[in-house]
C-alpha cells in the first residue's frame, strides 16, 4: 500500500512534524551555527549544521521504543543520547 506522501519524498521537517503529531515531545535543538555546535560539543560535520538533525525529549520516556520504530519507518536515524534522542537524516 502506498502512503501519501511517499516517505522517500518527504522533507526532513515534514517527517519531524509527523513524529511531533504522534508523540508528546519537545525539540531542544535543530539548526545550529558552527559556534553553537562547537560550544555544545557537537561533531564537526553535525547534521544540525544543515538543519537535518533534531534533538528531542519525549514527555513519556516509555514511548522511546515506539518513537524509534516510527522514525525508522520514516527513514530517519535515531541515536539515544541518554537525556534526549538525536534524530537525523541518514548520511549517504
Protein backbone atom coordinates (compact mmCIF):
# COMPACT_ATOMS: atom_id res chain seq x y z
CA UNK A 1 0.00 0.00 0.00
CA UNK A 2 1.41 3.40 -0.99
CA UNK A 3 1.40 6.06 1.72
CA UNK A 4 0.90 9.70 0.91
CA UNK A 5 3.18 11.46 0.74
CA UNK A 6 5.65 8.69 -0.03
CA UNK A 7 8.19 8.51 2.80
CA UNK A 8 11.18 8.73 0.48
CA UNK A 9 9.95 12.08 -0.87
CA UNK A 10 9.03 13.68 2.46
CA UNK A 11 11.20 16.58 3.57
CA UNK A 12 13.02 16.20 6.87
CA UNK A 13 10.94 18.87 8.58
CA UNK A 14 7.73 17.14 7.49
CA UNK A 15 8.96 13.87 8.98
CA UNK A 16 9.66 15.67 12.27
CA UNK A 17 6.20 17.27 12.21
CA UNK A 18 4.69 13.83 11.64
CA UNK A 19 6.51 12.48 14.69
CA UNK A 20 5.53 15.52 16.76
CA UNK A 21 1.86 14.95 15.92
CA UNK A 22 2.10 11.35 17.14
CA UNK A 23 4.19 11.86 20.27
CA UNK A 24 4.27 14.46 23.03
CA UNK A 25 7.77 15.84 22.58
CA UNK A 26 9.88 18.94 22.71
CA UNK A 27 12.56 19.81 20.16
CA UNK A 28 15.53 21.07 22.15
CA UNK A 29 17.94 21.67 19.26
CA UNK A 30 17.53 21.90 15.49
CA UNK A 31 19.67 24.17 13.32
CA UNK A 32 22.96 25.22 14.88
CA UNK A 33 25.66 27.68 13.96
CA UNK A 34 29.21 26.32 13.88
CA UNK A 35 29.98 28.21 17.09
CA UNK A 36 26.94 26.85 18.95
CA UNK A 37 27.67 23.36 17.67
CA UNK A 38 31.24 23.58 18.99
CA UNK A 39 30.04 25.07 22.30
CA UNK A 40 27.73 22.08 22.93
CA UNK A 41 30.37 19.53 21.91
CA UNK A 42 28.83 18.63 18.54
CA UNK A 43 30.89 16.84 15.91
CA UNK A 44 32.44 18.99 13.17
CA UNK A 45 30.19 17.56 10.44
CA UNK A 46 26.99 17.54 12.54
CA UNK A 47 23.74 17.26 10.59
CA UNK A 48 22.48 20.10 12.85
CA UNK A 49 24.61 22.47 10.77
CA UNK A 50 22.45 21.67 7.73
CA UNK A 51 19.14 21.56 9.59
CA UNK A 52 18.97 17.79 9.04
CA UNK A 53 19.04 16.78 12.71
CA UNK A 54 16.97 17.50 15.79
CA UNK A 55 17.31 16.63 19.44
CA UNK A 56 14.02 15.74 21.10
CA UNK A 57 12.83 14.94 24.60
CA UNK A 58 9.75 12.75 24.90
CA UNK A 59 7.24 13.66 27.63
CA UNK A 60 6.74 9.92 28.23
CA UNK A 61 10.07 8.08 28.20
CA UNK A 62 8.12 4.83 27.89
CA UNK A 63 7.38 5.71 24.26
CA UNK A 64 11.06 5.72 23.16
CA UNK A 65 10.87 2.32 21.52
CA UNK A 66 7.68 3.17 19.61
CA UNK A 67 9.11 6.58 18.63
CA UNK A 68 12.31 4.96 17.35
CA UNK A 69 10.36 2.40 15.34
CA UNK A 70 8.20 5.08 13.70
CA UNK A 71 11.21 7.31 12.96
CA UNK A 72 12.98 4.35 11.37
CA UNK A 73 9.93 3.73 9.18
CA UNK A 74 10.26 7.35 8.07
CA UNK A 75 13.87 6.51 7.09
CA UNK A 76 15.42 8.54 9.90
CA UNK A 77 18.28 7.55 12.17
CA UNK A 78 17.73 7.75 15.93
CA UNK A 79 20.57 7.88 18.43
CA UNK A 80 19.68 7.59 22.10
CA UNK A 81 21.98 10.06 23.83
CA UNK A 82 20.64 9.39 27.30
CA UNK A 83 18.79 12.58 28.19
CA UNK A 84 17.44 13.08 24.65
CA UNK A 85 17.05 11.40 21.28
CA UNK A 86 19.08 12.66 18.35
CA UNK A 87 17.11 12.22 15.10
CA UNK A 88 18.71 12.81 11.71
CA UNK A 89 18.55 12.18 8.02
CA UNK A 90 20.97 9.35 7.26
CA UNK A 91 24.26 10.09 5.55
CA UNK A 92 24.69 8.64 2.09
